[in-house]
Amino acid sequence: MNHDPLSAALSFILERAFDLCNNPVGAIVLLSICVKIILIIPVHISEKFQRKVNEQRSIIEPAVAELKKQFSGEELHNKTMETYKELNISPAYTLKSLLGPAIQIPFFFAAFHALQKSSIFVGHRFLWMENLAQPDALFAFPFTFPWFGASLNILPFIMTALTIIASRLSEPKGLSPELLKKQRNSLYTLAIFFLIFLYPYAAAMVIYWTMNNLLSVVQSIGERSVARAKK
C-alpha cells in the first residue's frame, strides 16, 4: 500500500492511463505529459527566480573576484558585505535557485516509487526490450559488473543525451563565460549521476525519464521557434 499522497496520485494517473490506452509505454507517455502539465506554473516561477539569480551572479561574482585579489580575511569579508549592499543584492540571493529542485524533487521520488511498484510493465515487450520491468538489455555481457549488472543498457545513454540537449537548449542568455562554464559543469555532473543511478533499473523507469527529457527538448525548440517568429 502506498502511503505517500503524491506517489499514490501518480500511481493512480499511471493506472488510469494504462486503462485508457492498454499499452504500458503509452501509459508512461501520458504520465510524463500529465506531470509536465502539473509543473508548468511552478517551473515557470522557479525559472524566473533562476534567471534573476543568474543576473545577480553575473554582477556580484566578478566584483568579489576583484576583491579577493586585494584583500583577505576579515577585511575581505567586510568589503564583500559592503559590495553586496552597494549592489543591492542579498548575500543569500542564491537560495532562490533552490526553488526549482524543491518543487521537482518530490515529483522525482513520487514517480520513481509509482513506476517501481506498478505491475503493468511485467512481461510486456517494447522494441528490443523483452520485459519493461527489467533493464532494456540490448545484449548481455559474459560477466557481471557491480551495480551495472550483466548487460549493455542503451536507454540510460539516450536519456542522458536528451538531458544534455534539453539543458543546453534552455540555457539563459547573457551569462558570463565563467558562470556559463559552471552551469555546464554542474549539468554534466548531474547527467552522469542520473546515468549511473538509473542504469540498472527497469526499462519502464528509464523510458519515463527519457520521455520527460524529450518533452523538454520539444518545448525548448517550440519556445525558440515562437521567439524567432515574433522578431
Protein backbone atom coordinates (compact mmCIF):
# COMPACT_ATOMS: atom_id res chain seq x y z
CA MET A 1 0.00 0.00 0.00
CA ASN A 2 1.29 3.45 -0.92
CA HIS A 3 1.03 5.91 1.98
CA ASP A 4 2.70 8.83 0.17
CA PRO A 5 -0.11 11.02 -1.29
CA LEU A 6 1.96 12.25 -4.24
CA SER A 7 3.17 8.75 -5.13
CA ALA A 8 -0.40 7.48 -4.77
CA ALA A 9 -1.65 10.23 -7.08
CA LEU A 10 0.93 9.43 -9.75
CA SER A 11 0.18 5.72 -9.39
CA PHE A 12 -3.49 6.50 -9.95
CA ILE A 13 -2.69 8.54 -13.08
CA LEU A 14 -0.43 5.77 -14.39
CA GLU A 15 -3.08 3.08 -13.86
CA ARG A 16 -5.86 5.16 -15.43
CA ALA A 17 -3.56 5.96 -18.37
CA PHE A 18 -2.95 2.23 -18.84
CA ASP A 19 -6.69 1.56 -18.68
CA LEU A 20 -7.19 4.23 -21.34
CA CYS A 21 -4.63 3.07 -23.89
CA ASN A 22 -3.98 -0.53 -22.78
CA ASN A 23 -0.30 0.00 -23.54
CA PRO A 24 2.39 0.34 -20.85
CA VAL A 25 4.59 2.66 -22.92
CA GLY A 26 1.57 4.78 -23.80
CA ALA A 27 0.77 4.95 -20.07
CA ILE A 28 4.31 6.18 -19.36
CA VAL A 29 3.98 8.87 -22.05
CA LEU A 30 0.63 10.04 -20.65
CA LEU A 31 2.03 10.10 -17.09
CA SER A 32 5.00 12.17 -18.25
CA ILE A 33 2.71 14.63 -20.06
CA CYS A 34 0.44 14.94 -17.00
CA VAL A 35 3.38 15.65 -14.69
CA LYS A 36 4.72 18.19 -17.18
CA ILE A 37 1.36 19.98 -17.23
CA ILE A 38 1.10 19.95 -13.41
CA LEU A 39 4.55 21.52 -13.12
CA ILE A 40 4.15 24.18 -15.83
CA ILE A 41 3.35 27.08 -13.49
CA PRO A 42 5.71 26.10 -10.61
CA VAL A 43 8.59 25.50 -13.03
CA HIS A 44 7.89 28.80 -14.82
CA ILE A 45 8.09 30.65 -11.48
CA SER A 46 11.29 28.85 -10.48
CA GLU A 47 12.85 29.65 -13.86
CA LYS A 48 12.10 33.36 -13.33
CA PHE A 49 13.86 33.16 -9.96
CA GLN A 50 16.78 31.33 -11.56
CA ARG A 51 17.15 33.98 -14.26
CA LYS A 52 17.25 36.67 -11.56
CA VAL A 53 19.87 34.71 -9.63
CA ASN A 54 21.96 34.32 -12.81
CA GLU A 55 21.77 38.07 -13.45
CA GLN A 56 22.88 38.82 -9.89
CA ARG A 57 25.69 36.26 -10.05
CA SER A 58 26.97 37.82 -13.27
CA ILE A 59 27.20 41.13 -11.40
CA ILE A 60 28.46 40.11 -7.96
CA GLU A 61 30.93 37.32 -8.77
CA PRO A 62 33.34 39.44 -10.87
CA ALA A 63 33.23 42.14 -8.18
CA VAL A 64 34.02 39.63 -5.41
CA ALA A 65 36.80 38.10 -7.53
CA GLU A 66 38.44 41.52 -7.76
CA LEU A 67 38.15 41.99 -4.00
CA LYS A 68 39.88 38.66 -3.39
CA LYS A 69 42.89 39.94 -5.33
CA GLN A 70 43.23 42.90 -2.97
CA PHE A 71 42.00 41.76 0.43
CA SER A 72 41.86 38.70 2.67
CA GLY A 73 40.45 37.55 5.98
CA GLU A 74 38.07 39.79 7.87
CA GLU A 75 38.81 42.75 5.63
CA LEU A 76 37.74 40.72 2.59
CA HIS A 77 34.53 39.73 4.38
CA ASN A 78 33.72 43.34 5.26
CA LYS A 79 34.47 44.60 1.76
CA THR A 80 32.35 41.81 0.29
CA MET A 81 29.39 42.69 2.50
CA GLU A 82 29.77 46.35 1.51
CA THR A 83 29.74 45.36 -2.16
CA TYR A 84 26.56 43.31 -1.71
CA LYS A 85 24.94 46.32 -0.05
CA GLU A 86 26.09 48.75 -2.74
CA LEU A 87 24.73 46.49 -5.48
CA ASN A 88 21.50 45.94 -3.55
CA ILE A 89 21.97 42.16 -3.61
CA SER A 90 21.28 39.91 -0.63
CA PRO A 91 24.18 37.63 0.41
CA ALA A 92 21.61 34.80 0.43
CA TYR A 93 20.38 35.54 -3.11
CA THR A 94 21.40 32.09 -4.39
CA LEU A 95 18.78 30.44 -2.16
CA LYS A 96 16.17 31.43 -4.75
CA SER A 97 17.72 28.94 -7.16
CA LEU A 98 16.75 26.11 -4.78
CA LEU A 99 13.07 26.63 -5.57
CA GLY A 100 13.25 24.57 -8.77
CA PRO A 101 14.77 21.46 -7.14
CA ALA A 102 12.47 21.90 -4.12
CA ILE A 103 9.46 21.66 -6.44
CA GLN A 104 10.69 18.89 -8.72
CA ILE A 105 12.49 16.52 -6.32
CA PRO A 106 9.24 15.34 -4.62
CA PHE A 107 7.83 14.54 -8.07
CA PHE A 108 11.02 12.66 -8.92
CA PHE A 109 10.70 10.37 -5.92
CA ALA A 110 6.93 10.03 -6.31
CA ALA A 111 7.26 8.97 -9.96
CA PHE A 112 10.15 6.68 -9.04
CA HIS A 113 8.02 4.88 -6.44
CA ALA A 114 4.93 4.78 -8.66
CA LEU A 115 6.82 3.22 -11.56
CA GLN A 116 8.80 0.86 -9.35
CA LYS A 117 5.70 -0.52 -7.62
CA SER A 118 3.50 -0.82 -10.70
CA SER A 119 2.84 -4.28 -12.11
CA ILE A 120 1.62 -3.12 -15.52
CA PHE A 121 5.10 -3.45 -17.08
CA VAL A 122 5.80 -7.05 -16.11
CA GLY A 123 6.20 -9.27 -19.18
CA HIS A 124 5.49 -6.50 -21.72
CA ARG A 125 7.84 -6.14 -24.68
CA PHE A 126 8.78 -2.95 -26.48
CA LEU A 127 11.18 -2.68 -29.41
CA TRP A 128 14.27 -4.74 -28.43
CA MET A 129 13.20 -4.91 -24.77
CA GLU A 130 11.93 -8.32 -23.70
CA ASN A 131 10.45 -7.12 -20.40
CA LEU A 132 9.77 -3.50 -19.43
CA ALA A 133 10.07 -4.49 -15.78
CA GLN A 134 13.75 -5.33 -16.40
CA PRO A 135 16.70 -3.28 -17.78
CA ASP A 136 16.48 -2.79 -21.55
CA ALA A 137 19.49 -5.11 -22.11
CA LEU A 138 20.45 -4.65 -25.75
CA PHE A 139 22.82 -7.57 -25.26
CA ALA A 140 24.26 -9.50 -22.33
CA PHE A 141 27.86 -9.49 -21.10
CA PRO A 142 29.58 -12.76 -20.18
CA PHE A 143 30.31 -11.25 -16.76
CA THR A 144 28.61 -9.03 -14.19
CA PHE A 145 29.67 -5.54 -13.13
CA PRO A 146 28.86 -4.38 -9.59
CA TRP A 147 25.76 -2.12 -9.73
CA PHE A 148 25.69 -2.05 -13.56
CA GLY A 149 24.72 -5.69 -13.95
CA ALA A 150 25.44 -8.05 -16.83
CA SER A 151 24.01 -6.24 -19.85
CA LEU A 152 24.53 -3.21 -22.06
CA ASN A 153 21.56 -0.92 -21.49
CA ILE A 154 21.09 1.72 -24.19
CA LEU A 155 18.15 3.68 -22.77
CA PRO A 156 20.16 5.37 -19.97
CA PHE A 157 22.57 6.77 -22.58
CA ILE A 158 19.68 8.07 -24.72
CA MET A 159 18.17 9.63 -21.59
CA THR A 160 21.49 11.29 -20.71
CA ALA A 161 21.96 12.68 -24.23
CA LEU A 162 18.47 14.19 -24.15
CA THR A 163 19.15 15.63 -20.68
CA ILE A 164 22.19 17.49 -22.00
CA ILE A 165 20.43 18.62 -25.19
CA ALA A 166 17.39 19.89 -23.24
CA SER A 167 19.58 21.79 -20.78
CA ARG A 168 21.75 23.32 -23.48
CA LEU A 169 18.66 24.45 -25.42
CA SER A 170 17.25 26.15 -22.33
CA GLU A 171 20.45 27.94 -21.32
CA PRO A 172 19.69 31.55 -20.37
CA LYS A 173 21.25 34.26 -22.48
CA GLY A 174 23.61 36.91 -21.15
CA LEU A 175 25.57 34.71 -18.73
CA SER A 176 29.24 35.47 -18.23
CA PRO A 177 31.61 32.83 -19.68
CA GLU A 178 32.67 31.80 -16.15
CA LEU A 179 29.08 31.34 -14.96
CA LEU A 180 28.12 29.51 -18.15
CA LYS A 181 31.04 27.13 -17.65
CA LYS A 182 30.00 26.47 -14.03
CA GLN A 183 26.42 25.75 -15.05
CA ARG A 184 27.51 23.36 -17.81
CA ASN A 185 29.87 21.53 -15.46
CA SER A 186 27.02 21.13 -12.97
CA LEU A 187 24.79 19.88 -15.80
CA TYR A 188 27.31 17.25 -16.91
CA THR A 189 27.87 16.10 -13.32
CA LEU A 190 24.12 15.74 -12.73
CA ALA A 191 23.60 13.96 -16.07
CA ILE A 192 26.33 11.43 -15.27
CA PHE A 193 24.86 10.90 -11.80
CA PHE A 194 21.44 10.00 -13.25
CA LEU A 195 23.07 7.81 -15.91
CA ILE A 196 24.80 5.78 -13.20
CA PHE A 197 21.84 5.84 -10.80
CA LEU A 198 19.20 4.69 -13.29
CA TYR A 199 21.39 2.35 -15.36
CA PRO A 200 20.40 -0.90 -13.61
CA TYR A 201 16.73 -0.03 -13.22
CA ALA A 202 13.75 -1.29 -15.21
CA ALA A 203 13.35 -0.07 -18.77
CA ALA A 204 9.96 1.43 -17.86
CA MET A 205 11.66 3.67 -15.31
CA VAL A 206 14.23 4.95 -17.80
CA ILE A 207 11.62 5.40 -20.54
CA TYR A 208 9.75 7.77 -18.21
CA TRP A 209 12.81 10.00 -17.63
CA THR A 210 13.73 9.79 -21.31
CA MET A 211 10.21 10.94 -22.21
CA ASN A 212 10.48 13.82 -19.73
CA ASN A 213 13.70 14.99 -21.37
CA LEU A 214 12.25 14.57 -24.86
CA LEU A 215 9.28 16.75 -23.89
CA SER A 216 11.72 19.37 -22.57
CA VAL A 217 13.62 19.32 -25.88
CA VAL A 218 10.38 19.75 -27.84
CA GLN A 219 9.27 22.54 -25.51
CA SER A 220 12.58 24.41 -25.86
CA ILE A 221 12.54 24.09 -29.65
CA GLY A 222 8.93 25.34 -29.69
CA GLU A 223 9.78 28.33 -27.49
CA ARG A 224 12.73 29.22 -29.73
CA SER A 225 10.54 28.98 -32.83
CA VAL A 226 7.93 31.27 -31.26
CA ALA A 227 10.65 33.75 -30.21
CA ARG A 228 12.06 33.85 -33.76
CA ALA A 229 8.59 34.30 -35.25
CA LYS A 230 7.99 37.35 -33.03
CA LYS A 231 11.14 39.08 -34.25
